[in-house]
Amino acid sequence: MMNKGVLRFHGAPETLIARAQGMVWDWTVSSDDLVKIRNSHHVSTSLRRADGVRVRIIADKAPSSEAEAVMPGLEDAYVCLLKQTAGQ
């Protein structure tokens, strides 16, 4: 996987996903809080629902006591890799 012309990862998708294990959190927030959440956390995906917006956060620890750890997908793993290599 390349980012800005630099090779950041070379390997099987399953390996990249395994590296993101324990760093992906599912959290439902209000629509009003979404901009604040996006500005303060690495959001891999968001989905608007009747009960608010479900966001998947990439972080070393839970962003809230209401957030639940979830199994990462490939998109989550990609965002996690970008977060880890930011500034390199």
Protein backbone atom coordinates (compact mmCIF):
# COMPACT_ATOMS: atom_id res chain seq x y z
CA MET A 1 0.00 0.00 0.00
CA MET A 2 1.36 3.39 -0.97
CA ASN A 3 0.62 6.81 0.45
CA LYS A 4 2.06 10.00 -1.04
CA GLY A 5 4.49 7.99 -3.15
CA VAL A 6 5.89 6.03 -0.21
CA LEU A 7 5.38 2.31 0.34
CA ARG A 8 3.62 2.02 3.71
CA PHE A 9 2.63 -1.65 3.70
CA HIS A 10 3.36 -4.72 1.62
CA GLY A 11 1.57 -7.92 2.53
CA ALA A 12 -1.71 -9.74 2.65
CA PRO A 13 -4.89 -7.79 3.45
CA GLU A 14 -5.47 -10.13 6.41
CA THR A 15 -2.12 -9.07 7.89
CA LEU A 16 -3.02 -5.39 7.60
CA ILE A 17 -6.41 -6.06 9.22
CA ALA A 18 -4.77 -7.99 12.06
CA ARG A 19 -2.51 -4.98 12.77
CA ALA A 20 -5.63 -2.85 13.38
CA GLN A 21 -7.05 -5.29 15.93
CA GLY A 22 -8.02 -3.52 19.18
CA MET A 23 -7.94 -0.08 17.58
CA VAL A 24 -11.43 0.16 16.04
CA TRP A 25 -14.42 1.45 17.98
CA ASP A 26 -18.10 1.62 17.05
CA TRP A 27 -19.91 4.59 18.59
CA THR A 28 -23.33 6.12 17.97
CA VAL A 29 -23.35 9.91 18.37
CA SER A 30 -25.89 12.63 17.72
CA SER A 31 -25.91 14.40 14.37
CA ASP A 32 -25.09 17.61 16.23
CA ASP A 33 -21.87 16.08 17.60
CA LEU A 34 -20.64 14.64 14.29
CA VAL A 35 -18.50 17.63 13.24
CA LYS A 36 -16.86 17.77 16.67
CA ILE A 37 -16.17 14.01 16.57
CA ARG A 38 -14.66 14.23 13.07
CA ASN A 39 -12.38 17.06 14.21
CA SER A 40 -11.15 15.24 17.30
CA HIS A 41 -10.94 11.59 16.16
CA HIS A 42 -9.89 9.51 13.16
CA VAL A 43 -13.22 8.39 11.68
CA SER A 44 -13.05 5.54 9.17
CA THR A 45 -16.77 5.43 8.33
CA SER A 46 -20.04 6.97 9.38
CA LEU A 47 -23.62 5.90 8.83
CA ARG A 48 -26.67 8.02 9.58
CA ARG A 49 -29.44 6.12 11.34
CA ALA A 50 -32.68 6.97 13.14
CA ASP A 51 -30.91 6.91 16.52
CA GLY A 52 -27.98 9.12 15.43
CA VAL A 53 -24.79 8.60 13.45
CA ARG A 54 -22.82 5.41 13.85
CA VAL A 55 -19.12 6.17 13.51
CA ARG A 56 -16.13 3.86 13.46
CA ILE A 57 -13.23 5.47 15.27
CA ILE A 58 -9.57 4.49 14.95
CA ALA A 59 -7.91 5.01 18.34
CA ASP A 60 -5.61 3.29 20.82
CA LYS A 61 -8.31 3.45 23.49
CA ALA A 62 -12.08 3.88 23.56
CA PRO A 63 -13.12 7.44 22.66
CA SER A 64 -16.06 7.17 25.05
CA SER A 65 -17.48 4.79 27.61
CA GLU A 66 -20.32 4.24 25.11
CA ALA A 67 -17.96 3.07 22.33
CA GLU A 68 -17.57 -0.66 21.69
CA ALA A 69 -14.51 -2.42 20.33
CA VAL A 70 -15.24 -4.07 16.97
CA MET A 71 -13.41 -6.25 14.49
CA PRO A 72 -11.64 -4.09 11.90
CA GLY A 73 -12.39 -4.29 8.21
CA LEU A 74 -10.00 -3.45 5.40
CA GLU A 75 -11.09 0.20 5.27
CA ASP A 76 -10.55 0.52 9.03
CA ALA A 77 -7.09 -1.05 8.67
CA TYR A 78 -6.20 1.41 5.90
CA VAL A 79 -7.22 4.40 8.03
CA CYS A 80 -5.29 2.92 10.95
CA LEU A 81 -2.16 2.58 8.79
CA LEU A 82 -2.49 6.20 7.64
CA LYS A 83 -2.87 7.34 11.25
CA GLN A 84 0.20 5.37 12.33
CA THR A 85 2.38 6.65 9.48
CA ALA A 86 1.23 10.28 9.59
CA GLY A 87 4.17 12.63 9.56
CA GLN A 88 6.64 10.03 8.28
